[in-house]
Each structure stands twice: as C-alpha cells, then as structure tokens.
Amino acid sequence: MSRPGVEWRPMVAADMDHVERIATIVHPGFPEARAVLEEKFRLHPAGCFILQDAGGEAIGYLLSHPWEAASAPALDTLIGTLPEPEVYYVHDIALLPAARGFRAGEAAMRLVEAHARAQGLPAIALVAVNNSGGFWERQGFVVSSDPKWAAKLASYGPDAVHMTKRLAS
C-alpha cells in the first residue's frame, strides 16, 4: 500500500461478524444473507481477506473464488460448490470510508491477480455495480459486450456490467 497503517490479511471464520457489518454499511442496496457470505469463505478461504487498520479494526473485506467464464453467481444465493474453474471471480471488495486514501482496492487486486496466476487461470471476472466501472477500467478490466449478460445480471441492478481482465501469460 502507499502508506503504512492498513493491511490485507487472510480471513478467518471469526471475521464473519466484521464482513456482515461492513457489507451492511457498504452495500445497503445489495443485501446478502450471512450464510451466503460464509459460504464464499468456506468454499474458497484462500481468496478471502480482511483489511485492517493499524489498531486491528476491520475496515474492508475481499471475497473471491474460481468460477466459470459464462456466468456470474446470482446475488444472495448459495452456490453449493465451485464449478470447474475457467476464470477467477471477484465477488466483492467492500471498503469502509476509513480505508480511503490507502489504495486498498489496488492492493486487493494485486492479491487477486497473484492468486489467479497461481491457479493458472487466464482471466479475472467480476460484476461492477454502483457505477464502479471506472475503478475497474483503471485496473485493466473491460466491459463484456455480449448482450447475454443483461439477463444474467438482473439481480445486480440496472447499472451492473460484467467485466473481465485478461492476464498476460
């Protein structure tokens, strides 16, 4: 990160209270049941991180996991098992206002890219909501132009766009 004071660390099961609290604050229009958030961690703990400040307070989280290229998991829905991996999927990066100015989003993407590369996956995918596409474009993501995505992203709201970033081999 650009300044000392915050760091991403691997998530542990005891962090779910923090994840639920942060999700409620950051994503009031996209509520997900605690069981859905817990499942992401249970299915792929290596892709889940907590952002903590210098005092150890959780001020953000990252949930990510391998996924298939032709779909995005529906919001607030249990997925059961992970499919055969084709891409690495960023389910959510949620940051409280206290995380601003630390470039925590860019640091989270470095974690995601390293993880995707270690798994040999060719791309990272996500659904951008709340007009966050500009941030993702600055990280190298492009909007998926296939019209099939409109119906698949209905649960994410009218401004949702599917985006991908190809990883250099």
N, C-alpha and C. Protein backbone atom coordinates (compact mmCIF):
# COMPACT_ATOMS: atom_id res chain seq x y z
N MET A 1 0.84 -1.18 0.00
CA MET A 1 0.00 0.00 0.00
C MET A 1 0.88 1.24 0.00
N SER A 2 0.30 2.36 -0.31
CA SER A 2 1.10 3.56 -0.43
C SER A 2 1.47 4.18 0.91
N ARG A 3 0.73 3.90 1.96
CA ARG A 3 1.03 4.45 3.29
C ARG A 3 0.90 3.33 4.31
N PRO A 4 1.70 3.43 5.37
CA PRO A 4 1.53 2.42 6.42
C PRO A 4 0.21 2.64 7.16
N GLY A 5 -0.26 1.62 7.80
CA GLY A 5 -1.44 1.80 8.63
C GLY A 5 -2.57 0.84 8.34
N VAL A 6 -2.63 0.30 7.14
CA VAL A 6 -3.64 -0.71 6.85
C VAL A 6 -2.96 -1.88 6.14
N GLU A 7 -3.55 -3.05 6.31
CA GLU A 7 -3.00 -4.22 5.62
C GLU A 7 -4.10 -5.24 5.37
N TRP A 8 -3.96 -5.95 4.26
CA TRP A 8 -4.83 -7.08 3.97
C TRP A 8 -4.24 -8.29 4.65
N ARG A 9 -5.09 -9.07 5.30
CA ARG A 9 -4.66 -10.33 5.92
C ARG A 9 -5.66 -11.41 5.57
N PRO A 10 -5.24 -12.67 5.60
CA PRO A 10 -6.19 -13.75 5.30
C PRO A 10 -7.38 -13.72 6.27
N MET A 11 -8.54 -13.95 5.73
CA MET A 11 -9.76 -14.00 6.53
C MET A 11 -9.79 -15.31 7.32
N VAL A 12 -10.37 -15.25 8.50
CA VAL A 12 -10.64 -16.44 9.32
C VAL A 12 -12.13 -16.47 9.62
N ALA A 13 -12.64 -17.62 10.02
CA ALA A 13 -14.08 -17.77 10.25
C ALA A 13 -14.62 -16.74 11.24
N ALA A 14 -13.83 -16.38 12.23
CA ALA A 14 -14.27 -15.42 13.24
C ALA A 14 -14.48 -14.01 12.67
N ASP A 15 -14.05 -13.76 11.44
CA ASP A 15 -14.21 -12.45 10.82
C ASP A 15 -15.60 -12.22 10.25
N MET A 16 -16.45 -13.22 10.24
CA MET A 16 -17.75 -13.08 9.60
C MET A 16 -18.61 -11.98 10.21
N ASP A 17 -18.48 -11.71 11.49
CA ASP A 17 -19.22 -10.58 12.07
C ASP A 17 -18.78 -9.28 11.42
N HIS A 18 -17.47 -9.13 11.18
CA HIS A 18 -16.95 -7.93 10.50
C HIS A 18 -17.45 -7.84 9.06
N VAL A 19 -17.41 -8.97 8.36
CA VAL A 19 -17.85 -9.00 6.97
C VAL A 19 -19.32 -8.59 6.88
N GLU A 20 -20.15 -9.17 7.74
CA GLU A 20 -21.57 -8.84 7.72
C GLU A 20 -21.80 -7.36 8.04
N ARG A 21 -21.09 -6.83 9.02
CA ARG A 21 -21.24 -5.41 9.39
C ARG A 21 -20.82 -4.50 8.24
N ILE A 22 -19.68 -4.78 7.64
CA ILE A 22 -19.17 -3.95 6.55
C ILE A 22 -20.09 -4.04 5.34
N ALA A 23 -20.57 -5.24 5.02
CA ALA A 23 -21.47 -5.41 3.87
C ALA A 23 -22.75 -4.59 4.06
N THR A 24 -23.28 -4.56 5.26
CA THR A 24 -24.50 -3.80 5.54
C THR A 24 -24.28 -2.30 5.31
N ILE A 25 -23.11 -1.81 5.68
CA ILE A 25 -22.79 -0.39 5.52
C ILE A 25 -22.49 -0.04 4.07
N VAL A 26 -21.66 -0.85 3.42
CA VAL A 26 -21.17 -0.52 2.08
C VAL A 26 -22.18 -0.86 0.99
N HIS A 27 -22.95 -1.92 1.17
CA HIS A 27 -23.86 -2.39 0.13
C HIS A 27 -25.32 -2.46 0.61
N PRO A 28 -25.89 -1.36 1.08
CA PRO A 28 -27.27 -1.45 1.57
C PRO A 28 -28.27 -1.85 0.48
N GLY A 29 -27.95 -1.56 -0.78
CA GLY A 29 -28.86 -1.91 -1.87
C GLY A 29 -28.67 -3.32 -2.40
N PHE A 30 -27.66 -4.01 -1.90
CA PHE A 30 -27.36 -5.37 -2.36
C PHE A 30 -27.16 -6.30 -1.17
N PRO A 31 -28.19 -6.45 -0.34
CA PRO A 31 -28.01 -7.28 0.86
C PRO A 31 -27.82 -8.76 0.51
N GLU A 32 -26.92 -9.39 1.23
CA GLU A 32 -26.71 -10.82 1.09
C GLU A 32 -26.77 -11.43 2.48
N ALA A 33 -27.42 -12.57 2.57
CA ALA A 33 -27.54 -13.27 3.85
C ALA A 33 -26.16 -13.68 4.35
N ARG A 34 -26.01 -13.71 5.64
CA ARG A 34 -24.74 -14.13 6.24
C ARG A 34 -24.33 -15.51 5.72
N ALA A 35 -25.29 -16.41 5.54
CA ALA A 35 -24.97 -17.76 5.05
C ALA A 35 -24.31 -17.71 3.67
N VAL A 36 -24.69 -16.76 2.83
CA VAL A 36 -24.10 -16.62 1.50
C VAL A 36 -22.65 -16.14 1.63
N LEU A 37 -22.42 -15.17 2.49
CA LEU A 37 -21.06 -14.67 2.71
C LEU A 37 -20.18 -15.76 3.32
N GLU A 38 -20.71 -16.47 4.28
CA GLU A 38 -19.95 -17.56 4.92
C GLU A 38 -19.61 -18.66 3.92
N GLU A 39 -20.54 -18.93 3.00
CA GLU A 39 -20.27 -19.97 2.02
C GLU A 39 -19.10 -19.60 1.12
N LYS A 40 -18.99 -18.34 0.72
CA LYS A 40 -17.86 -17.91 -0.11
C LYS A 40 -16.55 -18.23 0.61
N PHE A 41 -16.50 -17.92 1.90
CA PHE A 41 -15.31 -18.21 2.69
C PHE A 41 -15.08 -19.71 2.80
N ARG A 42 -16.12 -20.44 3.09
CA ARG A 42 -15.99 -21.89 3.27
C ARG A 42 -15.53 -22.58 1.99
N LEU A 43 -16.05 -22.15 0.84
CA LEU A 43 -15.70 -22.79 -0.42
C LEU A 43 -14.30 -22.44 -0.92
N HIS A 44 -13.84 -21.24 -0.59
CA HIS A 44 -12.51 -20.85 -1.08
C HIS A 44 -11.85 -19.86 -0.10
N PRO A 45 -11.45 -20.32 1.07
CA PRO A 45 -10.86 -19.41 2.05
C PRO A 45 -9.59 -18.72 1.57
N ALA A 46 -8.85 -19.35 0.65
CA ALA A 46 -7.61 -18.73 0.16
C ALA A 46 -7.87 -17.44 -0.60
N GLY A 47 -9.10 -17.19 -1.05
CA GLY A 47 -9.43 -15.98 -1.78
C GLY A 47 -10.16 -14.94 -0.96
N CYS A 48 -10.15 -15.09 0.36
CA CYS A 48 -10.90 -14.18 1.24
C CYS A 48 -9.94 -13.47 2.19
N PHE A 49 -10.08 -12.15 2.26
CA PHE A 49 -9.17 -11.32 3.05
C PHE A 49 -9.93 -10.25 3.82
N ILE A 50 -9.32 -9.80 4.89
CA ILE A 50 -9.83 -8.69 5.69
C ILE A 50 -8.82 -7.56 5.62
N LEU A 51 -9.31 -6.33 5.44
CA LEU A 51 -8.46 -5.15 5.52
C LEU A 51 -8.57 -4.62 6.93
N GLN A 52 -7.44 -4.49 7.60
CA GLN A 52 -7.49 -3.96 8.96
C GLN A 52 -6.60 -2.74 9.08
N ASP A 53 -7.02 -1.84 9.97
CA ASP A 53 -6.24 -0.63 10.21
C ASP A 53 -5.13 -0.92 11.21
N ALA A 54 -4.34 0.10 11.54
CA ALA A 54 -3.19 -0.08 12.43
C ALA A 54 -3.59 -0.59 13.80
N GLY A 55 -4.82 -0.32 14.22
CA GLY A 55 -5.30 -0.79 15.51
C GLY A 55 -5.95 -2.17 15.46
N GLY A 56 -5.96 -2.79 14.28
CA GLY A 56 -6.54 -4.12 14.13
C GLY A 56 -8.03 -4.12 13.81
N GLU A 57 -8.63 -2.94 13.61
CA GLU A 57 -10.06 -2.85 13.29
C GLU A 57 -10.30 -3.22 11.82
N ALA A 58 -11.27 -4.07 11.56
CA ALA A 58 -11.63 -4.45 10.19
C ALA A 58 -12.31 -3.28 9.51
N ILE A 59 -11.75 -2.85 8.36
CA ILE A 59 -12.31 -1.72 7.61
C ILE A 59 -12.61 -2.09 6.15
N GLY A 60 -12.50 -3.37 5.84
CA GLY A 60 -12.82 -3.83 4.49
C GLY A 60 -12.69 -5.33 4.38
N TYR A 61 -13.22 -5.86 3.30
CA TYR A 61 -13.05 -7.29 3.04
C TYR A 61 -13.01 -7.54 1.54
N LEU A 62 -12.49 -8.69 1.19
CA LEU A 62 -12.42 -9.17 -0.19
C LEU A 62 -12.88 -10.62 -0.20
N LEU A 63 -13.86 -10.92 -1.06
CA LEU A 63 -14.32 -12.29 -1.27
C LEU A 63 -14.10 -12.62 -2.74
N SER A 64 -13.35 -13.69 -3.02
CA SER A 64 -13.07 -14.08 -4.39
C SER A 64 -12.90 -15.59 -4.47
N HIS A 65 -13.12 -16.13 -5.68
CA HIS A 65 -13.04 -17.58 -5.85
C HIS A 65 -12.99 -17.93 -7.34
N PRO A 66 -12.54 -19.14 -7.65
CA PRO A 66 -12.58 -19.59 -9.05
C PRO A 66 -14.03 -19.71 -9.50
N TRP A 67 -14.25 -19.54 -10.83
CA TRP A 67 -15.61 -19.61 -11.35
C TRP A 67 -15.59 -20.00 -12.81
N GLU A 68 -16.76 -20.14 -13.41
CA GLU A 68 -16.88 -20.43 -14.83
C GLU A 68 -17.00 -19.12 -15.60
N ALA A 69 -16.54 -19.13 -16.85
CA ALA A 69 -16.47 -17.88 -17.61
C ALA A 69 -17.82 -17.36 -18.09
N ALA A 70 -18.79 -18.23 -18.31
CA ALA A 70 -20.04 -17.82 -18.94
C ALA A 70 -21.14 -17.38 -17.98
N SER A 71 -20.83 -17.27 -16.69
CA SER A 71 -21.87 -16.85 -15.75
C SER A 71 -21.27 -16.07 -14.60
N ALA A 72 -22.15 -15.48 -13.83
CA ALA A 72 -21.77 -14.80 -12.59
C ALA A 72 -22.73 -15.32 -11.52
N PRO A 73 -22.23 -15.59 -10.31
CA PRO A 73 -23.14 -16.08 -9.27
C PRO A 73 -24.23 -15.04 -8.97
N ALA A 74 -25.46 -15.49 -8.85
CA ALA A 74 -26.55 -14.58 -8.51
C ALA A 74 -26.32 -14.05 -7.09
N LEU A 75 -26.71 -12.82 -6.87
CA LEU A 75 -26.59 -12.24 -5.53
C LEU A 75 -27.48 -12.96 -4.54
N ASP A 76 -27.04 -12.99 -3.32
CA ASP A 76 -27.80 -13.53 -2.20
C ASP A 76 -28.32 -14.94 -2.48
N THR A 77 -27.47 -15.75 -3.11
CA THR A 77 -27.83 -17.11 -3.47
C THR A 77 -26.68 -18.05 -3.13
N LEU A 78 -26.99 -19.13 -2.44
CA LEU A 78 -25.96 -20.13 -2.16
C LEU A 78 -25.59 -20.82 -3.47
N ILE A 79 -24.30 -21.11 -3.64
CA ILE A 79 -23.85 -21.74 -4.89
C ILE A 79 -23.55 -23.23 -4.72
N GLY A 80 -23.46 -23.72 -3.50
CA GLY A 80 -23.27 -25.14 -3.24
C GLY A 80 -21.83 -25.60 -3.39
N THR A 81 -21.35 -25.62 -4.62
CA THR A 81 -19.97 -26.00 -4.89
C THR A 81 -19.41 -25.08 -5.96
N LEU A 82 -18.10 -25.02 -6.02
CA LEU A 82 -17.47 -24.24 -7.07
C LEU A 82 -17.41 -25.06 -8.35
N PRO A 83 -17.67 -24.43 -9.50
CA PRO A 83 -17.59 -25.16 -10.76
C PRO A 83 -16.13 -25.40 -11.17
N GLU A 84 -15.96 -26.12 -12.25
CA GLU A 84 -14.63 -26.28 -12.83
C GLU A 84 -14.11 -24.87 -13.15
N PRO A 85 -12.96 -24.49 -12.63
CA PRO A 85 -12.51 -23.10 -12.80
C PRO A 85 -12.09 -22.77 -14.23
N GLU A 86 -12.61 -21.64 -14.71
CA GLU A 86 -12.23 -21.10 -16.02
C GLU A 86 -11.68 -19.68 -15.88
N VAL A 87 -12.15 -18.96 -14.86
CA VAL A 87 -11.68 -17.61 -14.55
C VAL A 87 -11.62 -17.48 -13.03
N TYR A 88 -11.00 -16.42 -12.60
CA TYR A 88 -11.01 -16.12 -11.17
C TYR A 88 -12.02 -15.00 -10.98
N TYR A 89 -12.93 -15.15 -10.03
CA TYR A 89 -14.06 -14.24 -9.87
C TYR A 89 -13.93 -13.41 -8.59
N VAL A 90 -14.05 -12.11 -8.74
CA VAL A 90 -14.09 -11.20 -7.59
C VAL A 90 -15.55 -11.00 -7.23
N HIS A 91 -15.97 -11.62 -6.13
CA HIS A 91 -17.36 -11.47 -5.70
C HIS A 91 -17.59 -10.08 -5.11
N ASP A 92 -16.65 -9.64 -4.27
CA ASP A 92 -16.86 -8.34 -3.61
C ASP A 92 -15.57 -7.83 -3.00
N ILE A 93 -15.34 -6.55 -3.20
CA ILE A 93 -14.37 -5.79 -2.41
C ILE A 93 -15.18 -4.69 -1.77
N ALA A 94 -15.28 -4.71 -0.46
CA ALA A 94 -16.07 -3.71 0.27
C ALA A 94 -15.14 -2.96 1.22
N LEU A 95 -15.11 -1.64 1.09
CA LEU A 95 -14.23 -0.80 1.89
C LEU A 95 -15.01 0.29 2.60
N LEU A 96 -14.81 0.40 3.90
CA LEU A 96 -15.42 1.48 4.66
C LEU A 96 -14.72 2.79 4.33
N PRO A 97 -15.34 3.94 4.62
CA PRO A 97 -14.69 5.22 4.38
C PRO A 97 -13.31 5.33 5.03
N ALA A 98 -13.09 4.68 6.16
CA ALA A 98 -11.79 4.73 6.84
C ALA A 98 -10.66 4.13 6.00
N ALA A 99 -11.01 3.36 4.96
CA ALA A 99 -10.00 2.74 4.10
C ALA A 99 -9.56 3.66 2.95
N ARG A 100 -10.24 4.78 2.79
CA ARG A 100 -9.91 5.69 1.69
C ARG A 100 -8.51 6.28 1.85
N GLY A 101 -7.85 6.45 0.72
CA GLY A 101 -6.53 7.07 0.71
C GLY A 101 -5.38 6.10 0.87
N PHE A 102 -5.67 4.83 1.07
CA PHE A 102 -4.63 3.83 1.26
C PHE A 102 -4.40 2.97 0.02
N ARG A 103 -5.17 3.22 -1.05
CA ARG A 103 -5.07 2.44 -2.28
C ARG A 103 -5.34 0.96 -2.00
N ALA A 104 -6.28 0.73 -1.09
CA ALA A 104 -6.60 -0.64 -0.68
C ALA A 104 -7.22 -1.45 -1.81
N GLY A 105 -7.99 -0.81 -2.68
CA GLY A 105 -8.57 -1.52 -3.82
C GLY A 105 -7.50 -2.04 -4.76
N GLU A 106 -6.51 -1.20 -5.05
CA GLU A 106 -5.41 -1.64 -5.91
C GLU A 106 -4.62 -2.76 -5.25
N ALA A 107 -4.39 -2.66 -3.94
CA ALA A 107 -3.68 -3.72 -3.23
C ALA A 107 -4.47 -5.02 -3.25
N ALA A 108 -5.79 -4.93 -3.13
CA ALA A 108 -6.64 -6.12 -3.19
C ALA A 108 -6.51 -6.77 -4.57
N MET A 109 -6.46 -5.96 -5.62
CA MET A 109 -6.34 -6.52 -6.95
C MET A 109 -4.99 -7.20 -7.15
N ARG A 110 -3.95 -6.73 -6.53
CA ARG A 110 -2.66 -7.43 -6.61
C ARG A 110 -2.78 -8.82 -5.97
N LEU A 111 -3.49 -8.90 -4.85
CA LEU A 111 -3.72 -10.21 -4.23
C LEU A 111 -4.50 -11.13 -5.17
N VAL A 112 -5.55 -10.60 -5.75
CA VAL A 112 -6.40 -11.39 -6.65
C VAL A 112 -5.60 -11.87 -7.86
N GLU A 113 -4.85 -10.96 -8.47
CA GLU A 113 -4.07 -11.35 -9.65
C GLU A 113 -3.04 -12.43 -9.31
N ALA A 114 -2.36 -12.29 -8.20
CA ALA A 114 -1.38 -13.30 -7.80
C ALA A 114 -2.07 -14.65 -7.58
N HIS A 115 -3.22 -14.62 -6.96
CA HIS A 115 -3.95 -15.85 -6.69
C HIS A 115 -4.42 -16.50 -7.99
N ALA A 116 -4.95 -15.70 -8.91
CA ALA A 116 -5.43 -16.22 -10.20
C ALA A 116 -4.27 -16.83 -10.98
N ARG A 117 -3.14 -16.14 -11.00
CA ARG A 117 -1.97 -16.66 -11.72
C ARG A 117 -1.48 -17.97 -11.10
N ALA A 118 -1.46 -18.04 -9.78
CA ALA A 118 -1.01 -19.25 -9.10
C ALA A 118 -1.90 -20.44 -9.45
N GLN A 119 -3.16 -20.18 -9.75
CA GLN A 119 -4.08 -21.24 -10.13
C GLN A 119 -4.07 -21.51 -11.63
N GLY A 120 -3.27 -20.75 -12.36
CA GLY A 120 -3.18 -20.95 -13.81
C GLY A 120 -4.38 -20.48 -14.58
N LEU A 121 -5.16 -19.56 -14.02
CA LEU A 121 -6.37 -19.08 -14.69
C LEU A 121 -6.02 -17.90 -15.61
N PRO A 122 -6.64 -17.84 -16.79
CA PRO A 122 -6.27 -16.84 -17.78
C PRO A 122 -6.88 -15.45 -17.60
N ALA A 123 -7.88 -15.34 -16.73
CA ALA A 123 -8.58 -14.06 -16.61
C ALA A 123 -9.24 -13.93 -15.25
N ILE A 124 -9.59 -12.69 -14.93
CA ILE A 124 -10.35 -12.35 -13.72
C ILE A 124 -11.67 -11.75 -14.20
N ALA A 125 -12.76 -12.11 -13.54
CA ALA A 125 -14.07 -11.59 -13.91
C ALA A 125 -14.75 -11.01 -12.67
N LEU A 126 -15.69 -10.11 -12.91
CA LEU A 126 -16.47 -9.51 -11.82
C LEU A 126 -17.70 -8.84 -12.40
N VAL A 127 -18.60 -8.45 -11.51
CA VAL A 127 -19.74 -7.63 -11.88
C VAL A 127 -19.56 -6.29 -11.18
N ALA A 128 -19.46 -5.23 -11.96
CA ALA A 128 -19.31 -3.89 -11.40
C ALA A 128 -20.69 -3.31 -11.13
N VAL A 129 -20.88 -2.78 -9.92
CA VAL A 129 -22.14 -2.16 -9.53
C VAL A 129 -21.86 -0.76 -8.97
N ASN A 130 -22.92 -0.02 -8.73
CA ASN A 130 -22.80 1.32 -8.13
C ASN A 130 -21.85 2.22 -8.91
N ASN A 131 -21.91 2.12 -10.22
CA ASN A 131 -21.07 2.96 -11.09
C ASN A 131 -19.58 2.86 -10.78
N SER A 132 -19.14 1.67 -10.43
CA SER A 132 -17.72 1.46 -10.10
C SER A 132 -16.89 1.07 -11.31
N GLY A 133 -17.48 1.05 -12.50
CA GLY A 133 -16.76 0.62 -13.70
C GLY A 133 -15.48 1.39 -13.96
N GLY A 134 -15.45 2.67 -13.64
CA GLY A 134 -14.24 3.47 -13.85
C GLY A 134 -13.05 2.94 -13.05
N PHE A 135 -13.30 2.58 -11.80
CA PHE A 135 -12.22 2.00 -10.98
C PHE A 135 -11.70 0.73 -11.64
N TRP A 136 -12.63 -0.14 -12.06
CA TRP A 136 -12.22 -1.42 -12.64
C TRP A 136 -11.51 -1.23 -13.96
N GLU A 137 -11.94 -0.26 -14.76
CA GLU A 137 -11.23 0.02 -16.02
C GLU A 137 -9.79 0.46 -15.74
N ARG A 138 -9.59 1.25 -14.70
CA ARG A 138 -8.22 1.66 -14.34
C ARG A 138 -7.37 0.48 -13.90
N GLN A 139 -8.02 -0.61 -13.48
CA GLN A 139 -7.29 -1.82 -13.08
C GLN A 139 -7.08 -2.76 -14.27
N GLY A 140 -7.52 -2.36 -15.46
CA GLY A 140 -7.31 -3.16 -16.66
C GLY A 140 -8.50 -4.01 -17.08
N PHE A 141 -9.65 -3.83 -16.46
CA PHE A 141 -10.85 -4.59 -16.83
C PHE A 141 -11.57 -3.92 -18.00
N VAL A 142 -12.24 -4.75 -18.80
CA VAL A 142 -13.06 -4.23 -19.89
C VAL A 142 -14.47 -4.80 -19.75
N VAL A 143 -15.45 -4.02 -20.20
CA VAL A 143 -16.84 -4.43 -20.13
C VAL A 143 -17.09 -5.53 -21.15
N SER A 144 -17.76 -6.57 -20.73
CA SER A 144 -18.15 -7.66 -21.63
C SER A 144 -19.29 -7.16 -22.51
N SER A 145 -19.11 -7.24 -23.80
CA SER A 145 -20.09 -6.66 -24.72
C SER A 145 -21.21 -7.62 -25.12
N ASP A 146 -21.12 -8.88 -24.77
CA ASP A 146 -22.13 -9.85 -25.14
C ASP A 146 -23.47 -9.49 -24.49
N PRO A 147 -24.54 -9.35 -25.26
CA PRO A 147 -25.84 -8.96 -24.70
C PRO A 147 -26.45 -9.98 -23.74
N LYS A 148 -25.95 -11.21 -23.72
CA LYS A 148 -26.47 -12.23 -22.80
C LYS A 148 -26.33 -11.80 -21.34
N TRP A 149 -25.36 -10.93 -21.05
CA TRP A 149 -25.10 -10.55 -19.66
C TRP A 149 -26.23 -9.76 -19.04
N ALA A 150 -26.99 -9.02 -19.82
CA ALA A 150 -28.09 -8.20 -19.26
C ALA A 150 -29.04 -9.05 -18.42
N ALA A 151 -29.50 -10.16 -18.95
CA ALA A 151 -30.44 -11.02 -18.22
C ALA A 151 -29.75 -11.71 -17.05
N LYS A 152 -28.51 -12.10 -17.24
CA LYS A 152 -27.79 -12.82 -16.19
C LYS A 152 -27.48 -11.94 -14.98
N LEU A 153 -27.47 -10.64 -15.18
CA LEU A 153 -27.10 -9.72 -14.09
C LEU A 153 -28.30 -9.01 -13.48
N ALA A 154 -29.49 -9.48 -13.74
CA ALA A 154 -30.70 -8.81 -13.25
C ALA A 154 -30.68 -8.59 -11.75
N SER A 155 -30.16 -9.54 -10.97
CA SER A 155 -30.17 -9.40 -9.51
C SER A 155 -29.19 -8.34 -9.02
N TYR A 156 -28.32 -7.87 -9.89
CA TYR A 156 -27.30 -6.89 -9.50
C TYR A 156 -27.73 -5.45 -9.71
N GLY A 157 -28.87 -5.23 -10.32
CA GLY A 157 -29.36 -3.88 -10.53
C GLY A 157 -29.13 -3.39 -11.95
N PRO A 158 -29.79 -2.28 -12.33
CA PRO A 158 -29.78 -1.82 -13.73
C PRO A 158 -28.44 -1.31 -14.23
N ASP A 159 -27.54 -0.88 -13.35
CA ASP A 159 -26.26 -0.34 -13.82
C ASP A 159 -25.15 -1.40 -13.82
N ALA A 160 -25.47 -2.64 -13.50
CA ALA A 160 -24.46 -3.69 -13.40
C ALA A 160 -23.89 -4.05 -14.76
N VAL A 161 -22.57 -4.23 -14.80
CA VAL A 161 -21.90 -4.68 -16.01
C VAL A 161 -20.90 -5.78 -15.65
N HIS A 162 -20.82 -6.76 -16.53
CA HIS A 162 -19.83 -7.83 -16.37
C HIS A 162 -18.52 -7.33 -16.97
N MET A 163 -17.43 -7.55 -16.27
CA MET A 163 -16.13 -7.08 -16.74
C MET A 163 -15.10 -8.20 -16.58
N THR A 164 -14.12 -8.20 -17.47
CA THR A 164 -13.04 -9.17 -17.36
C THR A 164 -11.69 -8.50 -17.57
N LYS A 165 -10.69 -9.14 -17.03
CA LYS A 165 -9.31 -8.70 -17.24
C LYS A 165 -8.50 -9.93 -17.62
N ARG A 166 -7.93 -9.90 -18.81
CA ARG A 166 -7.07 -10.98 -19.27
C ARG A 166 -5.72 -10.83 -18.58
N LEU A 167 -5.18 -11.95 -18.15
CA LEU A 167 -3.86 -11.96 -17.52
C LEU A 167 -2.83 -12.37 -18.55
N ALA A 168 -1.74 -11.64 -18.59
CA ALA A 168 -0.65 -12.00 -19.51
C ALA A 168 -0.08 -13.34 -19.10
N SER A 169 0.21 -14.17 -20.09
CA SER A 169 0.75 -15.50 -19.75
C SER A 169 2.23 -15.48 -19.51
